[in-house]
Protein backbone atom coordinates (compact mmCIF):
# COMPACT_ATOMS: atom_id res chain seq x y z
CA MET A 1 73.56 64.36 -2.34
CA LYS A 2 73.23 63.43 1.33
CA ASP A 3 70.13 61.73 2.57
CA LEU A 4 68.70 62.69 5.95
CA LYS A 5 70.35 59.79 7.77
CA ASP A 6 73.82 60.73 6.49
CA TYR A 7 73.22 64.36 7.42
CA ILE A 8 72.14 63.46 10.98
CA ASP A 9 75.11 61.09 11.36
CA GLU A 10 77.46 63.95 10.47
CA LEU A 11 75.58 66.27 12.82
CA HIS A 12 76.00 63.77 15.66
CA GLU A 13 79.74 63.63 14.98
CA LYS A 14 80.10 67.42 15.17
CA VAL A 15 77.76 68.14 18.10
CA ASP A 16 78.87 67.63 21.69
CA ILE A 17 75.72 66.40 23.44
CA VAL A 18 77.21 67.09 26.88
CA SER A 19 77.88 70.72 25.95
CA ILE A 20 74.34 71.21 24.61
CA ILE A 21 72.57 69.56 27.54
CA SER A 22 74.80 71.38 30.04
CA GLN A 23 73.09 74.58 28.93
CA TYR A 24 69.91 73.22 30.53
CA VAL A 25 71.06 70.73 33.18
CA LYS A 26 73.91 70.84 35.69
CA LEU A 27 75.88 67.71 34.86
CA LYS A 28 78.59 65.97 36.88
CA LYS A 29 80.99 63.41 35.45
CA ARG A 30 80.48 59.93 36.82
CA GLY A 31 82.68 57.31 35.21
CA ARG A 32 82.28 57.42 31.44
CA ASN A 33 78.94 59.26 31.65
CA TYR A 34 77.50 62.49 33.08
CA VAL A 35 74.59 62.65 35.51
CA GLY A 36 72.20 65.35 36.70
CA LEU A 37 68.67 66.07 37.85
CA CYS A 38 66.18 65.29 35.11
CA PRO A 39 64.68 68.44 33.52
CA PHE A 40 61.55 66.53 32.52
CA HIS A 41 60.28 65.49 35.95
CA GLU A 42 60.77 66.50 39.57
CA GLU A 43 63.41 64.53 41.46
CA LYS A 44 65.87 64.97 44.30
CA THR A 45 68.33 62.21 43.35
CA PRO A 46 69.94 62.44 39.89
CA SER A 47 68.67 59.76 37.52
CA PHE A 48 69.35 61.62 34.25
CA VAL A 49 72.38 60.19 32.42
CA VAL A 50 74.19 61.53 29.34
CA SER A 51 76.57 59.31 27.40
CA PRO A 52 79.16 61.29 25.37
CA GLU A 53 80.35 58.02 23.85
CA LYS A 54 76.92 57.04 22.52
CA GLN A 55 75.74 60.67 22.13
CA ILE A 56 72.43 59.89 23.87
CA PHE A 57 70.64 60.69 27.12
CA HIS A 58 68.30 58.65 29.29
CA CYS A 59 66.40 59.28 32.53
CA PHE A 60 66.03 56.15 34.63
CA GLY A 61 63.30 57.91 36.58
CA CYS A 62 60.76 59.02 33.95
CA GLY A 63 62.10 57.23 30.88
CA ALA A 64 62.83 60.34 28.80
CA SER A 65 65.53 59.48 26.29
CA GLY A 66 67.00 60.18 22.88
CA ASP A 67 69.77 61.96 21.05
CA VAL A 68 70.62 65.66 21.11
CA ILE A 69 67.92 66.39 18.52
CA LYS A 70 65.21 64.77 20.62
CA PHE A 71 66.50 66.58 23.70
CA LEU A 72 65.99 70.00 22.10
CA MET A 73 62.60 68.97 20.72
CA LYS A 74 61.46 67.84 24.15
CA ILE A 75 62.86 70.60 26.34
CA ASP A 76 62.14 73.60 24.10
CA GLY A 77 59.06 72.30 22.30
CA MET A 78 60.82 72.44 18.94
CA ASP A 79 59.86 70.38 15.95
CA PHE A 80 62.42 68.19 14.16
CA LYS A 81 63.45 70.81 11.63
CA GLU A 82 63.84 73.53 14.27
CA ALA A 83 66.15 71.36 16.35
CA ILE A 84 68.28 70.48 13.34
CA THR A 85 68.45 74.15 12.34
CA ILE A 86 69.72 75.19 15.79
CA LEU A 87 72.35 72.45 15.83
CA ALA A 88 73.39 73.15 12.25
CA GLN A 89 73.92 76.83 13.12
CA ASP A 90 76.01 75.84 16.17
CA THR A 91 78.24 73.57 14.11
CA GLY A 92 78.41 75.71 10.99
CA MET A 93 76.78 73.02 8.88
CA PRO A 94 74.44 74.06 6.04
CA LEU A 95 70.78 73.14 6.39
CA PRO A 96 69.99 69.81 4.75
CA THR A 97 68.69 69.86 1.19
CA PHE A 98 66.61 67.16 -0.44
CA SER A 99 65.76 66.89 -4.11
CA GLY A 100 67.55 70.20 -4.67
CA LYS A 101 65.40 72.20 -2.26
CA LYS A 102 65.31 73.06 1.41
CA THR A 103 63.14 71.00 3.70
CA ASP A 104 59.46 71.92 3.38
CA LYS A 105 58.03 74.57 5.67
CA THR A 106 56.16 73.36 8.71
CA GLU A 107 53.12 74.98 10.30
CA LYS A 108 55.42 76.50 12.92
CA ASP A 109 57.63 77.94 10.19
CA ASN A 110 54.60 79.70 8.70
CA LEU A 111 53.51 81.01 12.09
CA ARG A 112 56.99 82.35 12.88
CA GLU A 113 57.15 84.00 9.49
CA ALA A 114 53.78 85.65 10.18
CA VAL A 115 54.86 86.85 13.64
CA GLN A 116 58.13 88.27 12.34
CA ALA A 117 56.36 90.06 9.48
CA ALA A 118 53.81 91.51 11.91
CA SER A 119 56.60 92.62 14.26
CA ASN A 120 58.34 94.44 11.41
CA PHE A 121 55.05 96.14 10.53
CA PHE A 122 54.39 97.22 14.13
CA HIS A 123 57.93 98.56 14.46
CA GLU A 124 57.46 100.70 11.36
CA GLN A 125 54.20 102.16 12.72
CA ILE A 126 55.69 103.97 15.74
CA THR A 127 54.41 107.55 15.73
CA LYS A 128 55.83 110.69 17.33
CA ASP A 129 53.20 110.45 20.08
CA VAL A 130 54.28 106.88 20.87
CA LEU A 131 57.94 107.91 20.89
CA LEU A 132 57.10 110.74 23.29
CA TYR A 133 55.21 108.35 25.59
CA LEU A 134 58.12 105.87 25.60
CA LYS A 135 60.56 108.68 26.33
CA GLN A 136 58.41 109.79 29.27
CA ARG A 137 58.55 106.23 30.61
CA GLY A 138 62.33 106.34 30.36
CA VAL A 139 62.71 104.09 27.33
CA THR A 140 65.68 105.06 25.16
CA LYS A 141 65.90 104.85 21.36
CA GLU A 142 68.50 102.09 21.82
CA SER A 143 66.04 100.03 23.84
CA ILE A 144 63.30 100.58 21.26
CA GLU A 145 65.58 98.96 18.69
CA LYS A 146 67.01 96.29 20.99
CA PHE A 147 63.58 95.09 22.14
CA GLN A 148 61.99 95.84 18.73
CA ILE A 149 59.14 97.84 20.28
CA GLY A 150 56.33 98.77 17.91
CA TYR A 151 52.81 100.16 17.68
CA ALA A 152 49.59 98.53 16.46
CA PRO A 153 47.42 101.24 14.86
CA GLN A 154 43.72 101.59 15.71
CA ASN A 155 42.86 100.78 12.11
CA GLY A 156 43.58 97.05 11.89
CA ASP A 157 42.95 97.04 8.15
CA LYS A 158 46.43 98.55 7.65
CA LEU A 159 47.99 95.40 9.17
CA ILE A 160 45.82 93.10 7.06
CA ALA A 161 46.72 94.96 3.86
CA ALA A 162 50.44 95.00 4.71
CA MET A 163 50.47 91.25 5.42
CA LYS A 164 48.67 90.56 2.15
CA LYS A 165 51.42 92.41 0.28
CA LYS A 166 53.98 90.19 2.05
CA ASP A 167 52.07 87.05 0.95
CA ILE A 168 51.44 86.06 4.57
CA SER A 169 48.37 83.85 4.58
CA GLN A 170 45.32 84.74 6.63
CA ASN A 171 45.38 81.27 8.20
CA SER A 172 48.92 81.85 9.47
CA LEU A 173 47.97 85.24 10.91
CA LEU A 174 44.95 83.70 12.64
CA GLY A 175 47.02 80.75 13.89
CA ALA A 176 49.68 83.08 15.30
CA GLY A 177 47.10 85.17 17.17
CA ILE A 178 47.77 88.29 15.09
CA LEU A 179 44.27 88.31 13.61
CA LYS A 180 41.06 87.05 15.18
CA LYS A 181 37.72 85.99 13.81
CA MET A 182 34.77 87.88 15.31
CA ASP A 183 31.36 86.40 16.10
CA ASP A 184 29.94 87.92 12.93
CA GLY A 185 32.63 86.20 10.85
CA LYS A 186 34.70 89.33 10.20
CA ILE A 187 38.48 89.19 10.53
CA LYS A 188 40.09 91.89 12.66
CA SER A 189 43.50 92.70 14.09
CA TYR A 190 44.01 91.20 17.57
CA PHE A 191 46.02 94.25 18.68
CA ARG A 192 44.68 97.76 18.04
CA ASN A 193 45.96 101.08 19.42
CA ARG A 194 48.58 99.33 21.52
CA ILE A 195 52.29 99.69 22.12
CA ILE A 196 53.70 96.34 21.05
CA LEU A 197 56.43 94.49 22.92
CA PRO A 198 57.57 91.38 21.02
CA ILE A 199 58.00 88.24 23.12
CA PHE A 200 61.06 86.14 22.28
CA ASP A 201 61.75 82.45 22.79
CA ILE A 202 65.04 81.25 24.26
CA GLN A 203 66.74 81.35 20.87
CA GLY A 204 65.68 84.98 20.34
CA LYS A 205 62.94 84.33 17.80
CA ILE A 206 59.75 86.39 18.12
CA VAL A 207 56.85 84.08 18.99
CA ALA A 208 54.16 86.43 20.35
CA PHE A 209 53.38 89.95 21.54
CA GLY A 210 52.41 91.89 24.62
CA GLY A 211 50.34 94.99 23.93
CA ARG A 212 49.96 97.98 26.28
CA ILE A 213 46.97 100.20 25.54
CA PHE A 214 48.03 103.60 24.24
CA GLY A 215 45.88 106.07 26.11
CA LYS A 216 42.72 104.92 27.89
CA GLY A 217 41.09 101.57 27.48
CA GLU A 218 40.80 98.06 28.88
CA PRO A 219 42.46 95.71 29.32
CA LYS A 220 45.55 97.72 30.07
CA TYR A 221 47.78 94.87 28.88
CA LEU A 222 46.88 92.23 26.33
CA ASN A 223 49.01 89.18 25.58
CA SER A 224 48.89 87.02 22.48
CA PRO A 225 46.75 83.91 22.90
CA ASP A 226 48.49 80.56 23.24
CA THR A 227 49.53 79.17 19.87
CA PRO A 228 51.62 76.23 18.58
CA ILE A 229 54.72 78.44 18.97
CA PHE A 230 53.80 80.26 22.20
CA LEU A 231 52.61 79.14 25.62
CA LYS A 232 52.58 82.14 27.93
CA GLY A 233 53.20 80.10 31.08
CA ASN A 234 56.34 78.58 29.58
CA LEU A 235 58.30 81.76 28.81
CA LEU A 236 59.66 84.80 30.63
CA TYR A 237 60.35 88.22 29.08
CA PRO A 238 63.07 88.69 27.80
CA ILE A 239 64.68 85.33 28.67
CA ASN A 240 66.70 85.31 25.44
CA ILE A 241 68.66 88.35 26.66
CA ALA A 242 68.51 87.75 30.42
CA LYS A 243 69.74 84.14 30.48
CA GLU A 244 73.40 85.12 30.27
CA GLY A 245 72.99 87.75 32.99
CA ILE A 246 71.25 85.18 35.20
CA ARG A 247 74.11 82.73 34.73
CA LYS A 248 76.69 85.43 35.46
CA GLU A 249 74.96 86.80 38.59
CA LYS A 250 73.86 83.29 39.71
CA GLN A 251 70.46 84.75 40.47
CA ALA A 252 67.25 85.62 38.61
CA ILE A 253 65.12 88.66 39.43
CA ILE A 254 61.41 88.23 38.65
CA VAL A 255 59.24 91.29 38.06
CA GLU A 256 55.64 91.47 36.93
CA GLY A 257 55.54 93.95 34.06
CA TYR A 258 57.19 94.23 30.67
CA PHE A 259 58.42 97.77 31.26
CA ASP A 260 59.82 96.79 34.67
CA ALA A 261 62.09 94.24 32.99
CA LEU A 262 62.93 96.51 30.07
CA ILE A 263 63.91 99.53 32.18
CA LEU A 264 66.00 97.41 34.59
CA HIS A 265 67.89 95.91 31.65
CA GLN A 266 68.39 99.37 30.27
CA SER A 267 69.89 100.47 33.61
CA GLY A 268 72.39 97.60 33.61
CA VAL A 269 70.56 95.00 35.73
CA GLN A 270 70.83 92.18 33.20
CA ASN A 271 69.43 89.22 35.20
CA VAL A 272 65.80 90.38 35.20
CA VAL A 273 62.79 88.72 33.59
CA SER A 274 59.08 89.45 33.66
CA SER A 275 56.30 86.91 34.25
CA MET A 276 54.30 89.04 31.78
CA GLY A 277 51.59 90.02 34.23
CA THR A 278 50.58 86.49 35.18
CA SER A 279 51.19 84.15 38.11
CA PHE A 280 54.55 82.40 38.20
CA THR A 281 54.30 78.82 36.86
CA ASP A 282 56.05 75.47 37.32
CA ALA A 283 57.35 75.70 33.75
CA GLN A 284 58.85 79.15 34.39
CA ALA A 285 60.55 77.84 37.54
CA GLY A 286 62.00 75.02 35.47
CA LEU A 287 63.23 77.54 32.92
CA ILE A 288 65.04 79.54 35.63
CA LYS A 289 66.50 76.33 37.08
CA ARG A 290 68.50 75.86 33.88
CA TYR A 291 70.57 78.94 34.71
CA THR A 292 70.59 79.36 38.51
CA ASP A 293 69.39 77.98 41.85
CA ASN A 294 68.57 81.43 43.24
CA ILE A 295 65.52 83.54 42.51
CA CYS A 296 64.21 86.88 43.82
CA PHE A 297 60.65 88.11 43.36
CA PHE A 298 59.52 91.75 43.42
CA TYR A 299 56.25 91.86 45.34
CA ASP A 300 54.11 94.64 46.79
CA ASP A 301 53.59 94.65 50.55
CA ASP A 302 49.90 93.78 50.18
CA GLU A 303 47.57 90.78 49.92
CA GLY A 304 48.57 90.20 46.30
CA GLY A 305 52.24 90.16 47.26
CA ARG A 306 51.58 87.80 50.14
CA LYS A 307 49.73 85.34 47.87
CA GLY A 308 52.49 85.62 45.29
CA ALA A 309 55.11 84.81 47.92
CA GLU A 310 53.13 81.75 49.04
CA ARG A 311 52.87 80.51 45.47
CA ALA A 312 56.59 81.15 44.91
CA VAL A 313 57.48 79.03 47.96
CA GLU A 314 55.33 76.13 46.79
CA ILE A 315 56.47 76.17 43.15
CA CYS A 316 60.16 76.88 43.70
CA SER A 317 60.55 74.25 46.41
CA LYS A 318 59.72 71.60 43.79
CA LYS A 319 62.72 72.75 41.75
CA ASP A 320 65.06 73.24 44.73
CA LEU A 321 65.23 76.97 44.04
CA THR A 322 66.23 79.27 46.88
CA VAL A 323 63.66 82.08 47.08
CA LYS A 324 63.96 85.65 48.31
CA ILE A 325 61.30 88.36 48.32
CA ILE A 326 62.08 91.98 47.42
CA VAL A 327 59.62 94.34 49.10
CA GLU A 328 59.40 98.05 48.36
CA GLY A 329 56.99 99.67 50.79
CA SER A 330 56.21 102.86 48.83
CA GLY A 331 54.13 101.05 46.21
CA GLN A 332 56.42 102.05 43.37
CA ASP A 333 57.04 99.68 40.49
CA PRO A 334 60.63 98.51 39.82
CA ASP A 335 60.94 100.68 36.70
CA GLU A 336 59.89 103.77 38.69
CA ILE A 337 62.47 102.97 41.38
CA VAL A 338 65.24 102.72 38.79
CA LEU A 339 64.25 105.97 37.10
CA LYS A 340 64.27 107.80 40.46
CA LYS A 341 67.13 106.11 42.34
CA GLY A 342 69.14 104.54 39.53
CA LYS A 343 70.66 101.08 39.36
CA ASN A 344 72.04 101.31 42.91
CA GLY A 345 68.54 101.85 44.28
CA ILE A 346 67.42 98.51 42.85
CA LEU A 347 70.62 96.71 43.88
CA GLU A 348 70.12 97.91 47.46
CA LEU A 349 66.61 96.43 47.51
CA ILE A 350 67.91 93.16 46.08
CA GLY A 351 70.60 93.06 48.75
CA ASN A 352 67.94 93.47 51.46
CA ALA A 353 65.62 90.79 50.04
CA LYS A 354 63.68 88.84 52.67
CA ASP A 355 63.18 85.16 53.22
CA PRO A 356 59.63 84.40 51.91
CA LEU A 357 58.44 82.92 55.21
CA ASP A 358 59.68 86.03 57.05
CA PHE A 359 57.71 88.20 54.63
CA ILE A 360 54.53 86.10 54.89
CA THR A 361 54.73 85.82 58.70
CA SER A 362 55.33 89.57 59.15
CA PHE A 363 52.44 90.33 56.81
CA GLU A 364 50.08 87.99 58.66
CA LEU A 365 51.08 89.41 62.06
CA LYS A 366 50.02 92.87 60.87
CA ILE A 367 46.56 91.47 60.11
CA GLU A 368 46.08 88.99 62.97
CA GLY A 369 47.93 90.91 65.68
CA ASN A 370 51.12 90.17 67.60
CA ASN A 371 49.29 88.62 70.57
CA PRO A 372 48.77 84.99 71.71
CA SER A 373 45.59 84.39 69.72
CA GLY A 374 46.98 86.26 66.70
CA LYS A 375 50.21 84.25 66.81
CA GLY A 376 48.17 81.05 66.95
CA ARG A 377 46.27 81.96 63.79
CA VAL A 378 49.48 83.06 62.04
CA ALA A 379 51.23 79.83 63.02
CA LYS A 380 48.35 77.78 61.59
CA LYS A 381 48.40 79.69 58.28
CA VAL A 382 52.17 79.56 57.86
CA LEU A 383 52.35 75.85 58.78
CA GLU A 384 49.84 75.16 56.01
CA ILE A 385 52.19 76.91 53.58
CA ILE A 386 55.23 75.02 54.90
CA ASP A 387 53.33 71.77 54.38
CA LYS A 388 53.32 72.47 50.62
CA ILE A 389 57.14 72.47 50.48
CA SER A 390 58.22 69.23 48.80
CA ASN A 391 61.66 69.12 50.44
CA LYS A 392 60.81 68.06 53.99
CA VAL A 393 64.26 68.88 55.42
CA GLU A 394 63.74 72.44 54.20
CA ALA A 395 60.21 72.37 55.62
CA TYR A 396 61.39 71.39 59.09
CA GLU A 397 64.00 74.16 59.02
CA TYR A 398 61.21 76.62 58.22
CA VAL A 399 59.20 75.32 61.18
CA LYS A 400 62.16 76.10 63.47
CA GLN A 401 62.52 79.52 61.84
CA LEU A 402 58.82 80.21 62.38
CA GLY A 403 59.27 79.43 66.07
CA THR A 404 62.05 82.00 66.29
CA ILE A 405 60.00 84.71 64.53
CA LEU A 406 56.91 84.13 66.69
CA ASN A 407 58.97 83.52 69.84
CA ILE A 408 57.29 80.12 70.27
CA ASP A 409 59.08 76.93 71.31
CA PRO A 410 59.59 75.03 68.02
CA SER A 411 58.61 71.76 69.72
CA ILE A 412 55.07 73.14 70.08
CA LEU A 413 54.95 73.93 66.37
CA PHE A 414 56.38 70.52 65.47
CA ALA A 415 53.58 68.94 67.45
CA GLN A 416 51.08 70.73 65.21
CA TYR A 417 53.02 70.15 61.98
CA THR A 418 52.09 66.90 60.24
CA PRO A 419 53.77 66.80 56.87
CA VAL A 420 51.81 65.38 54.01
CA SER A 421 53.46 62.14 52.96
CA THR A 422 54.87 62.41 49.48
CA LYS A 423 54.01 59.79 46.95
CA SER A 424 56.87 57.63 45.80
CA ARG A 425 58.12 58.73 42.41
CA ARG A 426 59.15 55.24 41.52
CA GLN A 427 56.48 52.89 40.35
CA LYS A 428 56.77 49.40 41.74
CA GLU A 429 57.68 46.88 39.09
CA LYS A 430 54.76 44.67 38.29
CA LEU A 431 55.52 41.00 38.78
CA ASN A 432 54.99 38.90 35.68
CA VAL A 433 54.17 35.22 35.72
CA ASN A 434 56.80 34.90 32.97
CA ASN A 435 59.46 36.62 35.09
CA ILE A 436 62.14 34.28 33.80
CA MET A 437 61.34 35.21 30.22
CA SER A 438 61.10 38.89 31.11
CA ASN A 439 64.62 38.90 32.54
CA THR A 440 65.85 36.82 29.62
CA GLU A 441 64.57 39.06 26.86
CA LYS A 442 65.94 42.08 28.67
CA LEU A 443 69.45 40.68 29.09
CA LEU A 444 69.75 39.22 25.58
CA THR A 445 68.50 42.42 23.94
CA GLN A 446 70.95 44.47 26.00
CA ALA A 447 73.70 42.06 24.92
CA VAL A 448 73.18 42.56 21.18
CA ILE A 449 73.04 46.35 21.62
CA GLN A 450 76.19 46.58 23.76
CA ARG A 451 78.08 43.56 22.36
CA PRO A 452 77.18 43.15 18.66
CA GLU A 453 79.53 40.17 18.37
CA THR A 454 77.11 38.09 20.49
CA LEU A 455 74.26 38.36 17.96
CA TYR A 456 74.84 35.17 15.98
CA LYS A 457 75.75 33.16 19.08
CA ILE A 458 72.39 34.11 20.57
CA LEU A 459 70.45 33.46 17.37
CA GLU A 460 71.99 29.97 17.08
CA LYS A 461 70.47 28.95 20.40
CA VAL A 462 67.45 31.20 20.88
CA ASP A 463 64.25 31.88 18.97
CA ILE A 464 63.44 35.49 19.88
CA ASN A 465 59.84 34.94 18.84
CA TYR A 466 59.49 33.42 22.30
CA PHE A 467 60.14 36.86 23.82
CA PRO A 468 56.77 37.69 25.48
CA ASP A 469 57.23 41.49 25.18
CA SER A 470 56.91 42.68 21.57
CA ARG A 471 59.04 45.73 22.39
CA TYR A 472 62.10 43.56 23.03
CA ARG A 473 61.49 41.60 19.82
CA LYS A 474 61.31 44.86 17.87
CA ILE A 475 64.41 46.35 19.49
CA PHE A 476 66.36 43.09 19.05
CA ASN A 477 65.49 43.04 15.34
CA MET A 478 66.45 46.71 14.95
CA ALA A 479 69.86 45.94 16.47
CA LYS A 480 70.18 42.86 14.23
CA LYS A 481 69.44 44.93 11.13
CA ASP A 482 72.07 47.55 12.09
CA ILE A 483 74.69 44.89 12.88
CA GLU A 484 74.13 43.13 9.57
CA LYS A 485 74.40 46.44 7.68
CA GLU A 486 76.80 48.61 9.70
CA GLY A 487 78.48 46.21 12.11
CA THR A 488 77.12 47.94 15.21
CA PRO A 489 73.70 49.21 16.41
CA ASP A 490 73.04 52.96 16.38
CA ILE A 491 69.87 53.61 18.35
CA ARG A 492 69.97 57.33 17.51
CA ASN A 493 68.61 56.45 14.07
CA TRP A 494 65.79 54.22 15.28
CA ASN A 495 63.19 56.88 14.53
CA ASN A 496 60.38 54.42 13.80
CA LEU A 497 60.27 53.25 17.42
CA ALA A 498 57.43 54.45 19.63
CA GLU A 499 58.42 56.70 22.54
CA ASP A 500 58.26 53.90 25.15
CA GLU A 501 60.20 51.56 22.83
CA PHE A 502 62.92 54.16 22.24
CA SER A 503 63.14 54.83 25.98
CA LEU A 504 63.58 51.09 26.61
CA ALA A 505 66.24 50.81 23.88
CA THR A 506 68.15 53.75 25.37
CA ALA A 507 67.99 52.28 28.87
CA LEU A 508 69.35 48.97 27.55
CA SER A 509 72.12 50.76 25.68
CA MET A 510 73.18 52.55 28.88
CA GLY A 511 72.76 49.52 31.15
CA ASP A 512 75.56 47.97 33.21
CA PRO A 513 77.86 46.15 30.71
CA SER A 514 78.89 43.63 33.38
CA LEU A 515 75.38 42.16 33.21
CA VAL A 516 76.00 40.84 29.69
CA SER A 517 79.21 38.87 30.19
CA ASP A 518 79.71 35.63 28.24
CA LYS A 519 78.84 33.61 31.33
CA ALA A 520 75.66 35.62 31.99
CA ILE A 521 74.54 35.20 28.36
CA GLU A 522 75.15 31.42 28.43
CA GLN A 523 73.27 30.99 31.71
CA THR A 524 70.40 33.13 30.45
CA ILE A 525 70.09 31.16 27.21
CA LYS A 526 70.10 27.90 29.19
CA ARG A 527 67.44 29.21 31.58
CA MET A 528 65.29 30.38 28.71
CA ASN A 529 65.49 27.10 26.78
CA ASN A 530 64.78 25.09 29.93
CA TYR A 531 61.75 27.25 30.60
CA ILE A 532 60.50 26.85 27.02
CA MET A 533 61.03 23.09 27.15
CA GLN A 534 59.17 22.74 30.44
CA SER A 535 56.37 24.93 29.16
CA GLU A 536 56.00 22.79 26.03
CA VAL A 537 55.99 19.52 28.00
CA GLN A 538 53.57 21.05 30.49
CA GLU A 539 51.22 22.10 27.70
CA GLN A 540 51.45 18.62 26.16
CA LEU A 541 50.68 17.04 29.52
CA TYR A 542 47.73 19.35 30.09
CA ASN A 543 46.23 18.40 26.74
CA GLU A 544 46.64 14.71 27.62
CA ILE A 545 45.23 14.82 31.15
CA LYS A 546 42.42 17.35 30.80
CA GLU A 547 40.05 14.55 29.67
CA THR A 548 41.55 11.87 31.97
CA LYS A 549 39.26 10.71 34.75
CA ASP A 550 40.99 7.49 35.84
CA GLU A 551 43.36 8.13 38.76
CA ASP A 552 45.84 5.39 37.80
CA GLU A 553 46.06 6.68 34.26
CA LEU A 554 46.50 10.22 35.57
CA ARG A 555 49.34 9.10 37.86
CA LYS A 556 51.08 7.31 34.98
CA LYS A 557 50.91 10.41 32.79
CA LEU A 558 52.33 12.59 35.58
CA GLU A 559 55.24 10.17 36.03
CA LYS A 560 55.77 10.21 32.28
CA TYR A 561 55.87 14.01 32.41
CA GLN A 562 58.50 13.98 35.17
CA GLN A 563 60.67 11.50 33.24
CA GLN A 564 60.46 13.64 30.12
CA ILE A 565 61.63 16.69 32.05
CA ILE A 566 64.52 14.83 33.69
CA LYS A 567 65.59 13.27 30.39
CA LYS A 568 65.59 16.58 28.50
CA LEU A 569 67.42 18.38 31.30
CA LYS A 570 70.18 15.73 31.29
CA LYS A 571 70.68 16.26 27.56
CA ARG A 572 71.38 19.90 28.27
């Protein structure tokens, strides 16, 4: 019977970490490693490194690090078991078993089970009236099955009874946002008399629902509340299906409504996702960035569309996404356009998509007027938007473009444009009074990780208890334990390290090997021992002279201290 460590070791051998991470990050080979822009923080210069040899990743910018399991946990919000399950499915390995049974269910497992059971129930409740409504909206039977559309009946007791028969606990239904507790303590169905559109995560698992009122009522659309398995601002509908189309077309189309996305997919436009009726978020931009650098937004030619375009510029510039705005002047929604004009009608609009600053400037000119004073007010508004763009080269290009649109000499606009200085993303290293020891513990710990054969040579001459930073002592001892047992350190299995400790261990593992040559190790050990010796003599001297008041005696003790230092240094 395999224990968990043996199972994970085998998983590491079968999984290609570069292949997995490449699904989220554009990696380029550099020497023995691969580099790319970190998906966990905003950066312009790649500091994210993946080592296929060590099967680990590390960001030298934000410190994010780990193996392929930790990568999936961090980027997709999975728990440990979920990440292992995904990787096991990819490699064809069976799920691990312990003591003759599968790993215990987690809270997220129970919530997913509840959501799936509820989705099955809703799907079974579709009535003839609902089918007629969906047909009128252009939804085919194939799409009903593909997107698992359902109906939540007005009588929520039917759902509660059905879930009870399935042994789905009330706590799980409450935790998944399927039931809700009223002020009077009664438990009711969260969705009633609504057409249900299941929301999928990237892997295609149902995690939540969007509900459109059937008939009259408010709100028109109701989304599941945020839960441990669903954060609305982190997903797009239906990203699990659209991600391949986005990769293929090298562009993502963002629409507002569920049915907009559904009908466009049905018509053959496969790179469409919906923001589910809410404002576009940083997390959603990051999600799109995994698959493409190009993004088009459908916006109405009104104040809401103008504000949406401004927000898109600000958010997408942080991710280096190229933005276009699709404007349809008749006020029709994308699904209505497709149903009237077909796929080609939508593709024509996409082909004529506008630059966002063009759209915003044109919109503002309609309001302020295309006259000197109006242009002045427009210029001020648009420059304020440009100032929010994080890439300042891009910002300056937009200033020149604005000058062309308004027929104003760009030099005048540049005189008004004062970009907000961006804060440095690199924290300055804090100087430590024990800088010698800090450099020493770093180099010697890196040495035992990268060159296990140096362990006993170091231990013969160094007492690591002198390391001032407990993290290095802990990492050094972890490496020592692995070397004594396995012959080489394997940081992927150092699960008892804190996040900052694991990040440090990963950085050391991926550090420049030339820094830990035999000569560098010898010099470092000598420096460290000299420092310790001087510190001990200095402490001894301090204890002797702190009560000394006689100047001659004080001078003699100082001379004695100097002789001790010289004598001990000569011995070395």
